[in-house]
Amino acid sequence: MKRMPAKNFQDLVVWQKAHQFVLSVYRHSESLLKNQLEEVSKLLEAYLSSILNSDS
């Protein structure tokens, strides 16, 4: 099956999956205490920064 070209960024499968991931993180983080949430946020920020800065 051939896919149609993306008309905008929301048509990209990678964006759709990333968006679902972010929504899932928000849903799961609602039950964390504030200080736990801040720590998780720092870890996610460092992880995502590492991915964005990688050469591959």
PDB file of N, CA and C in Angstrom:
ATOM      1  N   MET A   1       0.843  -1.170   0.000  1.00  0.00           N
ATOM      2  CA  MET A   1       0.000   0.000   0.000  1.00  0.00           C
ATOM      3  C   MET A   1       0.895   1.242   0.000  1.00  0.00           C
ATOM      4  N   LYS A   2       0.665   2.131  -0.933  1.00  0.00           N
ATOM      5  CA  LYS A   2       1.453   3.354  -1.043  1.00  0.00           C
ATOM      6  C   LYS A   2       0.789   4.474  -0.251  1.00  0.00           C
ATOM      7  N   ARG A   3       1.619   5.205   0.508  1.00  0.00           N
ATOM      8  CA  ARG A   3       1.096   6.317   1.309  1.00  0.00           C
ATOM      9  C   ARG A   3       1.113   7.609   0.509  1.00  0.00           C
ATOM     10  N   MET A   4       0.169   8.457   0.841  1.00  0.00           N
ATOM     11  CA  MET A   4       0.128   9.788   0.235  1.00  0.00           C
ATOM     12  C   MET A   4       1.199  10.650   0.905  1.00  0.00           C
ATOM     13  N   PRO A   5       1.761  11.612   0.175  1.00  0.00           N
ATOM     14  CA  PRO A   5       2.751  12.500   0.789  1.00  0.00           C
ATOM     15  C   PRO A   5       2.113  13.322   1.924  1.00  0.00           C
ATOM     16  N   ALA A   6       2.919  13.638   2.910  1.00  0.00           N
ATOM     17  CA  ALA A   6       2.434  14.430   4.041  1.00  0.00           C
ATOM     18  C   ALA A   6       2.128  15.853   3.589  1.00  0.00           C
ATOM     19  N   LYS A   7       0.988  16.359   4.017  1.00  0.00           N
ATOM     20  CA  LYS A   7       0.621  17.747   3.714  1.00  0.00           C
ATOM     21  C   LYS A   7       1.111  18.686   4.808  1.00  0.00           C
ATOM     22  N   ASN A   8       1.264  18.154   6.024  1.00  0.00           N
ATOM     23  CA  ASN A   8       1.798  18.933   7.141  1.00  0.00           C
ATOM     24  C   ASN A   8       2.483  17.973   8.109  1.00  0.00           C
ATOM     25  N   PHE A   9       3.118  18.507   9.121  1.00  0.00           N
ATOM     26  CA  PHE A   9       3.884  17.674  10.044  1.00  0.00           C
ATOM     27  C   PHE A   9       3.014  16.669  10.782  1.00  0.00           C
ATOM     28  N   GLN A  10       1.743  16.970  10.979  1.00  0.00           N
ATOM     29  CA  GLN A  10       0.856  16.061  11.705  1.00  0.00           C
ATOM     30  C   GLN A  10       0.525  14.809  10.892  1.00  0.00           C
ATOM     31  N   ASP A  11       0.779  14.839   9.607  1.00  0.00           N
ATOM     32  CA  ASP A  11       0.580  13.662   8.766  1.00  0.00           C
ATOM     33  C   ASP A  11       1.719  12.655   8.895  1.00  0.00           C
ATOM     34  N   LEU A  12       2.851  13.083   9.453  1.00  0.00           N
ATOM     35  CA  LEU A  12       4.010  12.212   9.574  1.00  0.00           C
ATOM     36  C   LEU A  12       3.796  11.182  10.679  1.00  0.00           C
ATOM     37  N   VAL A  13       4.034   9.925  10.362  1.00  0.00           N
ATOM     38  CA  VAL A  13       3.843   8.850  11.330  1.00  0.00           C
ATOM     39  C   VAL A  13       4.739   9.064  12.542  1.00  0.00           C
ATOM     40  N   VAL A  14       5.958   9.514  12.326  1.00  0.00           N
ATOM     41  CA  VAL A  14       6.874   9.741  13.441  1.00  0.00           C
ATOM     42  C   VAL A  14       6.320  10.806  14.388  1.00  0.00           C
ATOM     43  N   TRP A  15       5.691  11.840  13.849  1.00  0.00           N
ATOM     44  CA  TRP A  15       5.103  12.873  14.704  1.00  0.00           C
ATOM     45  C   TRP A  15       3.920  12.291  15.480  1.00  0.00           C
ATOM     46  N   GLN A  16       3.090  11.508  14.821  1.00  0.00           N
ATOM     47  CA  GLN A  16       1.923  10.918  15.472  1.00  0.00           C
ATOM     48  C   GLN A  16       2.335  10.023  16.631  1.00  0.00           C
ATOM     49  N   LYS A  17       3.384   9.212  16.426  1.00  0.00           N
ATOM     50  CA  LYS A  17       3.857   8.326  17.487  1.00  0.00           C
ATOM     51  C   LYS A  17       4.482   9.129  18.627  1.00  0.00           C
ATOM     52  N   ALA A  18       5.244  10.148  18.305  1.00  0.00           N
ATOM     53  CA  ALA A  18       5.848  10.992  19.338  1.00  0.00           C
ATOM     54  C   ALA A  18       4.766  11.702  20.145  1.00  0.00           C
ATOM     55  N   HIS A  19       3.732  12.164  19.468  1.00  0.00           N
ATOM     56  CA  HIS A  19       2.629  12.847  20.137  1.00  0.00           C
ATOM     57  C   HIS A  19       1.918  11.892  21.102  1.00  0.00           C
ATOM     58  N   GLN A  20       1.664  10.673  20.661  1.00  0.00           N
ATOM     59  CA  GLN A  20       1.030   9.684  21.535  1.00  0.00           C
ATOM     60  C   GLN A  20       1.912   9.386  22.744  1.00  0.00           C
ATOM     61  N   PHE A  21       3.233   9.325  22.525  1.00  0.00           N
ATOM     62  CA  PHE A  21       4.165   9.101  23.624  1.00  0.00           C
ATOM     63  C   PHE A  21       4.078  10.223  24.653  1.00  0.00           C
ATOM     64  N   VAL A  22       4.080  11.455  24.183  1.00  0.00           N
ATOM     65  CA  VAL A  22       4.010  12.610  25.084  1.00  0.00           C
ATOM     66  C   VAL A  22       2.701  12.593  25.878  1.00  0.00           C
ATOM     67  N   LEU A  23       1.598  12.308  25.206  1.00  0.00           N
ATOM     68  CA  LEU A  23       0.311  12.237  25.910  1.00  0.00           C
ATOM     69  C   LEU A  23       0.324  11.142  26.970  1.00  0.00           C
ATOM     70  N   SER A  24       0.948  10.022  26.649  1.00  0.00           N
ATOM     71  CA  SER A  24       1.058   8.923  27.602  1.00  0.00           C
ATOM     72  C   SER A  24       1.891   9.336  28.812  1.00  0.00           C
ATOM     73  N   VAL A  25       2.997  10.023  28.575  1.00  0.00           N
ATOM     74  CA  VAL A  25       3.838  10.499  29.671  1.00  0.00           C
ATOM     75  C   VAL A  25       3.034  11.438  30.569  1.00  0.00           C
ATOM     76  N   TYR A  26       2.288  12.357  29.981  1.00  0.00           N
ATOM     77  CA  TYR A  26       1.468  13.279  30.778  1.00  0.00           C
ATOM     78  C   TYR A  26       0.434  12.520  31.611  1.00  0.00           C
ATOM     79  N   ARG A  27      -0.219  11.528  31.011  1.00  0.00           N
ATOM     80  CA  ARG A  27      -1.218  10.747  31.747  1.00  0.00           C
ATOM     81  C   ARG A  27      -0.585  10.035  32.943  1.00  0.00           C
ATOM     82  N   HIS A  28       0.578   9.431  32.731  1.00  0.00           N
ATOM     83  CA  HIS A  28       1.231   8.672  33.791  1.00  0.00           C
ATOM     84  C   HIS A  28       1.843   9.581  34.848  1.00  0.00           C
ATOM     85  N   SER A  29       2.201  10.782  34.466  1.00  0.00           N
ATOM     86  CA  SER A  29       2.864  11.683  35.415  1.00  0.00           C
ATOM     87  C   SER A  29       1.878  12.373  36.361  1.00  0.00           C
ATOM     88  N   GLU A  30       0.603  12.298  36.068  1.00  0.00           N
ATOM     89  CA  GLU A  30      -0.393  12.941  36.939  1.00  0.00           C
ATOM     90  C   GLU A  30      -0.355  12.397  38.361  1.00  0.00           C
ATOM     91  N   SER A  31       0.021  11.134  38.512  1.00  0.00           N
ATOM     92  CA  SER A  31       0.006  10.519  39.825  1.00  0.00           C
ATOM     93  C   SER A  31       1.315  10.718  40.602  1.00  0.00           C
ATOM     94  N   LEU A  32       2.317  11.310  39.977  1.00  0.00           N
ATOM     95  CA  LEU A  32       3.589  11.523  40.656  1.00  0.00           C
ATOM     96  C   LEU A  32       3.532  12.745  41.565  1.00  0.00           C
ATOM     97  N   LEU A  33       4.301  12.704  42.622  1.00  0.00           N
ATOM     98  CA  LEU A  33       4.430  13.875  43.471  1.00  0.00           C
ATOM     99  C   LEU A  33       5.191  14.957  42.708  1.00  0.00           C
ATOM    100  N   LYS A  34       5.028  16.205  43.123  1.00  0.00           N
ATOM    101  CA  LYS A  34       5.629  17.317  42.396  1.00  0.00           C
ATOM    102  C   LYS A  34       7.141  17.166  42.262  1.00  0.00           C
ATOM    103  N   ASN A  35       7.844  16.816  43.338  1.00  0.00           N
ATOM    104  CA  ASN A  35       9.292  16.695  43.236  1.00  0.00           C
ATOM    105  C   ASN A  35       9.709  15.519  42.355  1.00  0.00           C
ATOM    106  N   GLN A  36       8.921  14.437  42.370  1.00  0.00           N
ATOM    107  CA  GLN A  36       9.195  13.312  41.483  1.00  0.00           C
ATOM    108  C   GLN A  36       9.012  13.739  40.032  1.00  0.00           C
ATOM    109  N   LEU A  37       7.983  14.513  39.771  1.00  0.00           N
ATOM    110  CA  LEU A  37       7.699  14.984  38.425  1.00  0.00           C
ATOM    111  C   LEU A  37       8.827  15.878  37.913  1.00  0.00           C
ATOM    112  N   GLU A  38       9.351  16.735  38.786  1.00  0.00           N
ATOM    113  CA  GLU A  38      10.457  17.599  38.390  1.00  0.00           C
ATOM    114  C   GLU A  38      11.686  16.770  38.020  1.00  0.00           C
ATOM    115  N   GLU A  39      11.950  15.719  38.775  1.00  0.00           N
ATOM    116  CA  GLU A  39      13.103  14.851  38.493  1.00  0.00           C
ATOM    117  C   GLU A  39      12.909  14.106  37.175  1.00  0.00           C
ATOM    118  N   VAL A  40      11.707  13.590  36.955  1.00  0.00           N
ATOM    119  CA  VAL A  40      11.408  12.900  35.705  1.00  0.00           C
ATOM    120  C   VAL A  40      11.544  13.873  34.533  1.00  0.00           C
ATOM    121  N   SER A  41      11.087  15.096  34.708  1.00  0.00           N
ATOM    122  CA  SER A  41      11.200  16.110  33.653  1.00  0.00           C
ATOM    123  C   SER A  41      12.655  16.371  33.298  1.00  0.00           C
ATOM    124  N   LYS A  42      13.512  16.466  34.322  1.00  0.00           N
ATOM    125  CA  LYS A  42      14.935  16.687  34.070  1.00  0.00           C
ATOM    126  C   LYS A  42      15.553  15.513  33.316  1.00  0.00           C
ATOM    127  N   LEU A  43      15.179  14.297  33.722  1.00  0.00           N
ATOM    128  CA  LEU A  43      15.705  13.111  33.053  1.00  0.00           C
ATOM    129  C   LEU A  43      15.247  13.040  31.595  1.00  0.00           C
ATOM    130  N   LEU A  44      13.964  13.317  31.349  1.00  0.00           N
ATOM    131  CA  LEU A  44      13.440  13.306  29.981  1.00  0.00           C
ATOM    132  C   LEU A  44      14.110  14.382  29.127  1.00  0.00           C
ATOM    133  N   GLU A  45      14.305  15.548  29.699  1.00  0.00           N
ATOM    134  CA  GLU A  45      14.961  16.634  28.971  1.00  0.00           C
ATOM    135  C   GLU A  45      16.379  16.235  28.574  1.00  0.00           C
ATOM    136  N   ALA A  46      17.113  15.630  29.498  1.00  0.00           N
ATOM    137  CA  ALA A  46      18.477  15.193  29.208  1.00  0.00           C
ATOM    138  C   ALA A  46      18.473  14.093  28.150  1.00  0.00           C
ATOM    139  N   TYR A  47      17.542  13.166  28.258  1.00  0.00           N
ATOM    140  CA  TYR A  47      17.437  12.061  27.302  1.00  0.00           C
ATOM    141  C   TYR A  47      17.108  12.575  25.902  1.00  0.00           C
ATOM    142  N   LEU A  48      16.131  13.447  25.810  1.00  0.00           N
ATOM    143  CA  LEU A  48      15.740  13.983  24.504  1.00  0.00           C
ATOM    144  C   LEU A  48      16.842  14.862  23.906  1.00  0.00           C
ATOM    145  N   SER A  49      17.525  15.610  24.751  1.00  0.00           N
ATOM    146  CA  SER A  49      18.633  16.434  24.278  1.00  0.00           C
ATOM    147  C   SER A  49      19.739  15.557  23.712  1.00  0.00           C
ATOM    148  N   SER A  50      19.993  14.442  24.373  1.00  0.00           N
ATOM    149  CA  SER A  50      21.007  13.494  23.899  1.00  0.00           C
ATOM    150  C   SER A  50      20.620  12.925  22.530  1.00  0.00           C
ATOM    151  N   ILE A  51      19.350  12.593  22.369  1.00  0.00           N
ATOM    152  CA  ILE A  51      18.882  12.058  21.080  1.00  0.00           C
ATOM    153  C   ILE A  51      19.026  13.109  19.984  1.00  0.00           C
ATOM    154  N   LEU A  52      18.597  14.325  20.269  1.00  0.00           N
ATOM    155  CA  LEU A  52      18.636  15.381  19.262  1.00  0.00           C
ATOM    156  C   LEU A  52      20.068  15.758  18.879  1.00  0.00           C
ATOM    157  N   ASN A  53      21.005  15.609  19.806  1.00  0.00           N
ATOM    158  CA  ASN A  53      22.390  15.982  19.547  1.00  0.00           C
ATOM    159  C   ASN A  53      23.243  14.824  19.026  1.00  0.00           C
ATOM    160  N   SER A  54      22.657  13.622  18.894  1.00  0.00           N
ATOM    161  CA  SER A  54      23.433  12.490  18.397  1.00  0.00           C
ATOM    162  C   SER A  54      23.669  12.629  16.899  1.00  0.00           C
ATOM    163  N   ASP A  55      24.726  12.021  16.439  1.00  0.00           N
ATOM    164  CA  ASP A  55      25.085  12.119  15.011  1.00  0.00           C
ATOM    165  C   ASP A  55      24.348  11.110  14.146  1.00  0.00           C
ATOM    166  N   SER A  56      23.690  10.135  14.737  1.00  0.00           N
ATOM    167  CA  SER A  56      23.033   9.113  13.919  1.00  0.00           C
ATOM    168  C   SER A  56      21.611   9.445  13.615  1.00  0.00           C
TER     169      SER A  56
END
